[in-house]
Amino acid sequence: MKASGTRRSIRMGDQILQELATMLIEEVQDPRLELVSLTGCKLNADSSIALVSFTVGGGEERRKSALDGLNKARGFLRSGLARRMNMRSLPELRFTHDDFLEDMIYAKPSHTDS
């Protein structure tokens, strides 16, 4: 996915991220999505796809569970965005886990042979 770097797409991604985070707190009641933090939203060049990054504490099983929960709630979240945002067409939501924060905080050791 080629990300768009225009100011409009950045603002729209920020607004989508803010609305999704609010809906996760207030409306979504899936226990798999507890303590999920949305960290970013990038739109592709024609604004038809929004790649939403998230982090969640726990191991690999918890990440997979959170990703499954987000994918299951995708339609609900997109319809909620349609109610909250005044846009002609909404992008398709895709979710991906963001490893950056965890790599920086927990500093995964590099496997180099000495």
N, C-alpha and C. Protein backbone atom coordinates (compact mmCIF):
# COMPACT_ATOMS: atom_id res chain seq x y z
N MET A 1 0.85 -1.17 0.00
CA MET A 1 0.00 0.00 0.00
C MET A 1 0.89 1.23 0.00
N LYS A 2 0.73 2.06 -0.99
CA LYS A 2 1.49 3.31 -1.06
C LYS A 2 0.75 4.38 -0.26
N ALA A 3 1.38 4.85 0.80
CA ALA A 3 0.75 5.83 1.67
C ALA A 3 0.77 7.22 1.04
N SER A 4 -0.27 7.96 1.27
CA SER A 4 -0.36 9.32 0.78
C SER A 4 0.22 10.26 1.84
N GLY A 5 0.95 11.27 1.39
CA GLY A 5 1.57 12.19 2.33
C GLY A 5 0.98 13.58 2.27
N THR A 6 -0.19 13.73 1.66
CA THR A 6 -0.78 15.06 1.56
C THR A 6 -1.34 15.49 2.92
N ARG A 7 -1.42 16.79 3.11
CA ARG A 7 -1.96 17.30 4.37
C ARG A 7 -3.39 16.84 4.60
N ARG A 8 -4.17 16.80 3.55
CA ARG A 8 -5.57 16.39 3.67
C ARG A 8 -5.66 14.94 4.16
N SER A 9 -4.87 14.05 3.59
CA SER A 9 -4.93 12.65 4.00
C SER A 9 -4.40 12.46 5.42
N ILE A 10 -3.42 13.25 5.81
CA ILE A 10 -2.90 13.17 7.18
C ILE A 10 -3.97 13.63 8.17
N ARG A 11 -4.64 14.73 7.86
CA ARG A 11 -5.72 15.22 8.74
C ARG A 11 -6.86 14.22 8.81
N MET A 12 -7.22 13.64 7.66
CA MET A 12 -8.31 12.68 7.63
C MET A 12 -7.93 11.42 8.42
N GLY A 13 -6.68 10.97 8.30
CA GLY A 13 -6.21 9.83 9.07
C GLY A 13 -6.25 10.10 10.56
N ASP A 14 -5.85 11.31 10.96
CA ASP A 14 -5.90 11.68 12.38
C ASP A 14 -7.33 11.69 12.90
N GLN A 15 -8.26 12.20 12.09
CA GLN A 15 -9.65 12.25 12.51
C GLN A 15 -10.23 10.83 12.61
N ILE A 16 -9.90 9.99 11.64
CA ILE A 16 -10.36 8.60 11.68
C ILE A 16 -9.83 7.92 12.93
N LEU A 17 -8.55 8.12 13.24
CA LEU A 17 -7.94 7.53 14.42
C LEU A 17 -8.63 7.99 15.70
N GLN A 18 -8.90 9.28 15.79
CA GLN A 18 -9.57 9.82 16.97
C GLN A 18 -10.97 9.25 17.13
N GLU A 19 -11.73 9.18 16.06
CA GLU A 19 -13.10 8.65 16.14
C GLU A 19 -13.10 7.17 16.47
N LEU A 20 -12.18 6.41 15.87
CA LEU A 20 -12.11 4.97 16.17
C LEU A 20 -11.75 4.74 17.64
N ALA A 21 -10.80 5.52 18.16
CA ALA A 21 -10.41 5.37 19.56
C ALA A 21 -11.59 5.68 20.49
N THR A 22 -12.34 6.71 20.16
CA THR A 22 -13.52 7.06 20.96
C THR A 22 -14.55 5.94 20.91
N MET A 23 -14.78 5.38 19.73
CA MET A 23 -15.76 4.30 19.61
C MET A 23 -15.30 3.05 20.35
N LEU A 24 -13.99 2.76 20.35
CA LEU A 24 -13.50 1.60 21.10
C LEU A 24 -13.78 1.75 22.59
N ILE A 25 -13.64 2.96 23.09
CA ILE A 25 -13.87 3.21 24.52
C ILE A 25 -15.35 3.19 24.86
N GLU A 26 -16.16 3.87 24.04
CA GLU A 26 -17.56 4.11 24.40
C GLU A 26 -18.54 3.07 23.89
N GLU A 27 -18.30 2.47 22.73
CA GLU A 27 -19.34 1.66 22.10
C GLU A 27 -19.01 0.18 21.95
N VAL A 28 -17.75 -0.16 21.70
CA VAL A 28 -17.39 -1.56 21.47
C VAL A 28 -17.29 -2.27 22.81
N GLN A 29 -17.93 -3.45 22.91
CA GLN A 29 -17.96 -4.16 24.18
C GLN A 29 -17.31 -5.54 24.08
N ASP A 30 -16.44 -5.73 23.12
CA ASP A 30 -15.74 -6.99 22.94
C ASP A 30 -14.61 -7.07 23.96
N PRO A 31 -14.58 -8.09 24.80
CA PRO A 31 -13.52 -8.19 25.81
C PRO A 31 -12.13 -8.36 25.20
N ARG A 32 -12.03 -8.83 23.97
CA ARG A 32 -10.73 -8.96 23.32
C ARG A 32 -10.09 -7.61 23.04
N LEU A 33 -10.91 -6.54 23.03
CA LEU A 33 -10.41 -5.22 22.68
C LEU A 33 -10.14 -4.35 23.90
N GLU A 34 -10.14 -4.93 25.08
CA GLU A 34 -9.78 -4.17 26.27
C GLU A 34 -8.30 -3.87 26.23
N LEU A 35 -7.94 -2.65 26.60
CA LEU A 35 -6.55 -2.19 26.66
C LEU A 35 -5.86 -2.16 25.30
N VAL A 36 -6.63 -2.08 24.22
CA VAL A 36 -6.05 -1.90 22.89
C VAL A 36 -5.86 -0.40 22.67
N SER A 37 -4.67 -0.02 22.25
CA SER A 37 -4.37 1.39 21.96
C SER A 37 -4.13 1.55 20.46
N LEU A 38 -4.83 2.48 19.86
CA LEU A 38 -4.60 2.78 18.45
C LEU A 38 -3.46 3.77 18.36
N THR A 39 -2.48 3.48 17.50
CA THR A 39 -1.27 4.30 17.46
C THR A 39 -1.11 5.09 16.17
N GLY A 40 -1.81 4.74 15.12
CA GLY A 40 -1.64 5.48 13.88
C GLY A 40 -2.64 5.05 12.83
N CYS A 41 -2.80 5.92 11.83
CA CYS A 41 -3.70 5.64 10.71
C CYS A 41 -3.09 6.26 9.46
N LYS A 42 -2.84 5.43 8.46
CA LYS A 42 -2.31 5.91 7.19
C LYS A 42 -3.30 5.59 6.09
N LEU A 43 -3.53 6.55 5.22
CA LEU A 43 -4.40 6.34 4.07
C LEU A 43 -3.56 6.10 2.83
N ASN A 44 -4.08 5.28 1.92
CA ASN A 44 -3.35 5.09 0.68
C ASN A 44 -3.58 6.28 -0.25
N ALA A 45 -2.98 6.26 -1.42
CA ALA A 45 -2.96 7.42 -2.31
C ALA A 45 -4.36 7.90 -2.71
N ASP A 46 -5.31 6.99 -2.90
CA ASP A 46 -6.65 7.43 -3.31
C ASP A 46 -7.65 7.40 -2.15
N SER A 47 -7.17 7.26 -0.93
CA SER A 47 -7.99 7.29 0.29
C SER A 47 -9.06 6.21 0.33
N SER A 48 -8.78 5.07 -0.30
CA SER A 48 -9.76 3.99 -0.27
C SER A 48 -9.45 2.96 0.81
N ILE A 49 -8.24 3.00 1.35
CA ILE A 49 -7.83 2.06 2.39
C ILE A 49 -7.18 2.83 3.53
N ALA A 50 -7.61 2.54 4.75
CA ALA A 50 -7.00 3.12 5.94
C ALA A 50 -6.32 1.99 6.71
N LEU A 51 -5.01 2.09 6.88
CA LEU A 51 -4.25 1.10 7.64
C LEU A 51 -4.10 1.64 9.06
N VAL A 52 -4.79 0.99 10.00
CA VAL A 52 -4.82 1.44 11.39
C VAL A 52 -3.89 0.55 12.21
N SER A 53 -2.92 1.17 12.89
CA SER A 53 -1.96 0.44 13.72
C SER A 53 -2.43 0.44 15.17
N PHE A 54 -2.16 -0.67 15.87
CA PHE A 54 -2.56 -0.77 17.27
C PHE A 54 -1.48 -1.47 18.07
N THR A 55 -1.50 -1.25 19.37
CA THR A 55 -0.66 -2.00 20.30
C THR A 55 -1.55 -2.55 21.40
N VAL A 56 -1.08 -3.62 22.00
CA VAL A 56 -1.79 -4.25 23.10
C VAL A 56 -0.77 -4.98 23.95
N GLY A 57 -0.95 -4.94 25.26
CA GLY A 57 -0.04 -5.65 26.15
C GLY A 57 -0.29 -7.14 26.09
N GLY A 58 0.71 -7.90 26.46
CA GLY A 58 0.57 -9.35 26.45
C GLY A 58 1.40 -9.98 25.36
N GLY A 59 1.25 -11.25 25.22
CA GLY A 59 2.05 -11.99 24.27
C GLY A 59 1.42 -12.07 22.89
N GLU A 60 1.94 -12.99 22.12
CA GLU A 60 1.50 -13.19 20.74
C GLU A 60 0.03 -13.61 20.68
N GLU A 61 -0.40 -14.42 21.63
CA GLU A 61 -1.80 -14.87 21.66
C GLU A 61 -2.74 -13.69 21.87
N ARG A 62 -2.36 -12.78 22.75
CA ARG A 62 -3.17 -11.58 23.02
C ARG A 62 -3.24 -10.68 21.79
N ARG A 63 -2.13 -10.55 21.06
CA ARG A 63 -2.12 -9.75 19.83
C ARG A 63 -3.06 -10.34 18.79
N LYS A 64 -2.99 -11.66 18.63
CA LYS A 64 -3.85 -12.31 17.65
C LYS A 64 -5.32 -12.17 18.03
N SER A 65 -5.59 -12.30 19.32
CA SER A 65 -6.96 -12.14 19.80
C SER A 65 -7.47 -10.72 19.54
N ALA A 66 -6.64 -9.72 19.80
CA ALA A 66 -7.03 -8.33 19.57
C ALA A 66 -7.24 -8.08 18.08
N LEU A 67 -6.37 -8.62 17.24
CA LEU A 67 -6.52 -8.45 15.79
C LEU A 67 -7.81 -9.10 15.30
N ASP A 68 -8.12 -10.29 15.81
CA ASP A 68 -9.38 -10.95 15.45
C ASP A 68 -10.58 -10.12 15.89
N GLY A 69 -10.51 -9.55 17.09
CA GLY A 69 -11.60 -8.70 17.59
C GLY A 69 -11.78 -7.46 16.74
N LEU A 70 -10.68 -6.82 16.35
CA LEU A 70 -10.77 -5.63 15.50
C LEU A 70 -11.33 -5.98 14.13
N ASN A 71 -10.89 -7.09 13.57
CA ASN A 71 -11.41 -7.50 12.26
C ASN A 71 -12.89 -7.86 12.33
N LYS A 72 -13.31 -8.44 13.44
CA LYS A 72 -14.74 -8.77 13.59
C LYS A 72 -15.57 -7.50 13.75
N ALA A 73 -15.02 -6.48 14.41
CA ALA A 73 -15.74 -5.22 14.63
C ALA A 73 -15.57 -4.24 13.48
N ARG A 74 -14.89 -4.63 12.42
CA ARG A 74 -14.58 -3.73 11.30
C ARG A 74 -15.84 -3.07 10.71
N GLY A 75 -16.86 -3.84 10.45
CA GLY A 75 -18.09 -3.29 9.87
C GLY A 75 -18.79 -2.32 10.81
N PHE A 76 -18.85 -2.69 12.10
CA PHE A 76 -19.45 -1.82 13.10
C PHE A 76 -18.68 -0.51 13.21
N LEU A 77 -17.36 -0.60 13.22
CA LEU A 77 -16.53 0.61 13.33
C LEU A 77 -16.69 1.49 12.09
N ARG A 78 -16.77 0.88 10.93
CA ARG A 78 -16.90 1.66 9.69
C ARG A 78 -18.27 2.35 9.63
N SER A 79 -19.32 1.66 10.06
CA SER A 79 -20.64 2.30 10.06
C SER A 79 -20.69 3.41 11.11
N GLY A 80 -20.01 3.22 12.24
CA GLY A 80 -19.92 4.28 13.25
C GLY A 80 -19.18 5.49 12.72
N LEU A 81 -18.12 5.25 11.94
CA LEU A 81 -17.39 6.36 11.31
C LEU A 81 -18.30 7.12 10.35
N ALA A 82 -19.12 6.39 9.62
CA ALA A 82 -20.03 7.04 8.66
C ALA A 82 -21.00 7.97 9.39
N ARG A 83 -21.46 7.57 10.58
CA ARG A 83 -22.36 8.42 11.35
C ARG A 83 -21.63 9.65 11.89
N ARG A 84 -20.38 9.48 12.29
CA ARG A 84 -19.64 10.55 12.95
C ARG A 84 -18.95 11.52 12.00
N MET A 85 -18.57 11.05 10.82
CA MET A 85 -17.79 11.89 9.91
C MET A 85 -18.62 12.23 8.68
N ASN A 86 -18.42 13.40 8.15
CA ASN A 86 -19.15 13.83 6.97
C ASN A 86 -18.24 13.65 5.75
N MET A 87 -18.24 12.43 5.22
CA MET A 87 -17.39 12.12 4.06
C MET A 87 -18.23 11.46 2.98
N ARG A 88 -17.84 11.69 1.76
CA ARG A 88 -18.55 11.09 0.64
C ARG A 88 -18.37 9.57 0.62
N SER A 89 -17.15 9.12 0.81
CA SER A 89 -16.89 7.68 0.89
C SER A 89 -15.87 7.42 1.98
N LEU A 90 -16.10 6.37 2.73
CA LEU A 90 -15.19 6.01 3.81
C LEU A 90 -14.21 4.95 3.33
N PRO A 91 -12.98 5.02 3.80
CA PRO A 91 -12.00 4.01 3.40
C PRO A 91 -12.28 2.66 4.06
N GLU A 92 -11.81 1.61 3.42
CA GLU A 92 -11.85 0.27 4.01
C GLU A 92 -10.85 0.25 5.17
N LEU A 93 -11.24 -0.33 6.29
CA LEU A 93 -10.37 -0.37 7.46
C LEU A 93 -9.56 -1.66 7.47
N ARG A 94 -8.25 -1.52 7.62
CA ARG A 94 -7.36 -2.67 7.79
C ARG A 94 -6.54 -2.42 9.05
N PHE A 95 -6.33 -3.47 9.82
CA PHE A 95 -5.64 -3.34 11.09
C PHE A 95 -4.33 -4.10 11.08
N THR A 96 -3.31 -3.51 11.71
CA THR A 96 -2.01 -4.14 11.81
C THR A 96 -1.41 -3.82 13.18
N HIS A 97 -0.67 -4.78 13.71
CA HIS A 97 -0.03 -4.57 15.01
C HIS A 97 1.21 -3.72 14.82
N ASP A 98 1.41 -2.78 15.74
CA ASP A 98 2.55 -1.87 15.69
C ASP A 98 3.59 -2.34 16.70
N ASP A 99 4.72 -2.85 16.19
CA ASP A 99 5.77 -3.37 17.06
C ASP A 99 6.74 -2.29 17.53
N PHE A 100 6.68 -1.10 16.95
CA PHE A 100 7.69 -0.09 17.21
C PHE A 100 7.84 0.25 18.69
N LEU A 101 6.72 0.54 19.36
CA LEU A 101 6.78 0.91 20.77
C LEU A 101 7.34 -0.23 21.63
N GLU A 102 6.89 -1.43 21.38
CA GLU A 102 7.36 -2.56 22.16
C GLU A 102 8.84 -2.81 21.93
N ASP A 103 9.31 -2.66 20.70
CA ASP A 103 10.73 -2.84 20.41
C ASP A 103 11.56 -1.78 21.12
N MET A 104 11.06 -0.56 21.18
CA MET A 104 11.81 0.52 21.82
C MET A 104 11.79 0.39 23.35
N ILE A 105 10.66 0.01 23.91
CA ILE A 105 10.55 -0.06 25.37
C ILE A 105 11.25 -1.30 25.91
N TYR A 106 10.98 -2.44 25.31
CA TYR A 106 11.53 -3.69 25.84
C TYR A 106 12.86 -4.07 25.19
N ALA A 107 13.28 -3.34 24.18
CA ALA A 107 14.58 -3.51 23.53
C ALA A 107 14.90 -4.98 23.26
N LYS A 108 14.19 -5.53 22.30
CA LYS A 108 14.44 -6.93 21.94
C LYS A 108 15.90 -7.09 21.56
N PRO A 109 16.56 -8.09 22.12
CA PRO A 109 17.98 -8.26 21.82
C PRO A 109 18.18 -8.71 20.38
N SER A 110 19.22 -8.19 19.77
CA SER A 110 19.55 -8.62 18.42
C SER A 110 20.35 -9.92 18.51
N HIS A 111 20.10 -10.80 17.58
CA HIS A 111 20.77 -12.09 17.58
C HIS A 111 21.99 -12.02 16.68
N THR A 112 23.10 -11.58 17.25
CA THR A 112 24.35 -11.51 16.50
C THR A 112 25.33 -12.49 17.11
N ASP A 113 26.06 -13.14 16.27
CA ASP A 113 27.07 -14.09 16.74
C ASP A 113 28.36 -13.35 17.04
N SER A 114 28.94 -13.59 18.19
CA SER A 114 30.18 -12.92 18.57
C SER A 114 31.34 -13.85 18.43
